[in-house]
């Protein structure tokens, strides 16, 4: 039985797993960046309501 062949195979699989994990993390990070950009674009596209009268909403009537 060749122990060196087995150990190098295990090391190779371990390295492949680490590379796969790094790629998966990078893809998830990129997807999150895309979602952040999309959310920022959506928020900035919402029109701010224009006040119809400048004096409305500036005071509270406390005498009812």
Protein backbone atom coordinates (compact mmCIF):
# COMPACT_ATOMS: atom_id res chain seq x y z
CA UNK A 1 0.00 0.00 0.00
CA UNK A 2 1.39 3.39 -1.00
CA UNK A 3 0.78 5.83 1.84
CA UNK A 4 2.37 8.74 -0.03
CA UNK A 5 -0.16 8.36 -2.85
CA UNK A 6 -3.06 8.39 -0.41
CA UNK A 7 -1.79 11.38 1.53
CA UNK A 8 -1.15 13.41 -1.63
CA UNK A 9 -4.67 12.58 -2.81
CA UNK A 10 -6.14 13.79 0.47
CA UNK A 11 -4.05 16.97 0.32
CA UNK A 12 -5.21 17.56 -3.26
CA UNK A 13 -8.87 17.14 -2.27
CA UNK A 14 -8.34 19.48 0.69
CA UNK A 15 -6.81 22.15 -1.56
CA UNK A 16 -9.66 21.80 -4.05
CA UNK A 17 -12.15 22.26 -1.22
CA UNK A 18 -10.38 25.42 -0.07
CA UNK A 19 -10.39 26.81 -3.61
CA UNK A 20 -14.07 25.92 -3.96
CA UNK A 21 -14.85 27.67 -0.68
CA UNK A 22 -12.96 30.78 -1.76
CA UNK A 23 -14.80 30.87 -5.09
CA UNK A 24 -18.15 30.41 -3.37
CA UNK A 25 -17.38 33.23 -0.95
CA UNK A 26 -16.36 35.53 -3.80
CA UNK A 27 -19.55 34.73 -5.75
CA UNK A 28 -21.71 35.37 -2.69
CA UNK A 29 -19.90 38.67 -2.07
CA UNK A 30 -20.45 39.75 -5.68
CA UNK A 31 -24.14 38.83 -5.48
CA UNK A 32 -24.47 40.90 -2.31
CA UNK A 33 -22.79 43.87 -4.02
CA UNK A 34 -25.25 43.59 -6.92
CA UNK A 35 -28.18 43.55 -4.48
CA UNK A 36 -26.83 46.62 -2.68
CA UNK A 37 -26.54 48.49 -5.98
CA UNK A 38 -30.05 47.44 -7.02
CA UNK A 39 -31.52 48.54 -3.69
CA UNK A 40 -29.72 51.90 -3.87
CA UNK A 41 -31.02 52.45 -7.40
CA UNK A 42 -34.56 51.56 -6.35
CA UNK A 43 -34.46 53.88 -3.34
CA UNK A 44 -33.07 56.78 -5.38
CA UNK A 45 -35.72 56.28 -8.08
CA UNK A 46 -38.59 56.86 -5.66
CA UNK A 47 -39.83 60.41 -6.15
CA UNK A 48 -39.93 62.54 -3.06
CA UNK A 49 -43.40 63.95 -2.43
CA UNK A 50 -43.67 67.62 -3.26
CA UNK A 51 -45.42 69.79 -0.68
CA UNK A 52 -48.53 71.37 -2.14
CA UNK A 53 -48.51 74.28 0.28
CA UNK A 54 -45.39 75.57 2.03
CA UNK A 55 -47.23 76.34 5.29
CA UNK A 56 -48.96 72.95 5.66
CA UNK A 57 -47.53 70.59 8.24
CA UNK A 58 -45.37 73.19 9.95
CA UNK A 59 -47.45 73.73 13.09
CA UNK A 60 -49.66 71.73 15.44
CA UNK A 61 -52.97 73.06 16.71
CA UNK A 62 -53.00 72.26 20.42
CA UNK A 63 -56.37 74.02 21.09
CA UNK A 64 -59.14 71.70 20.07
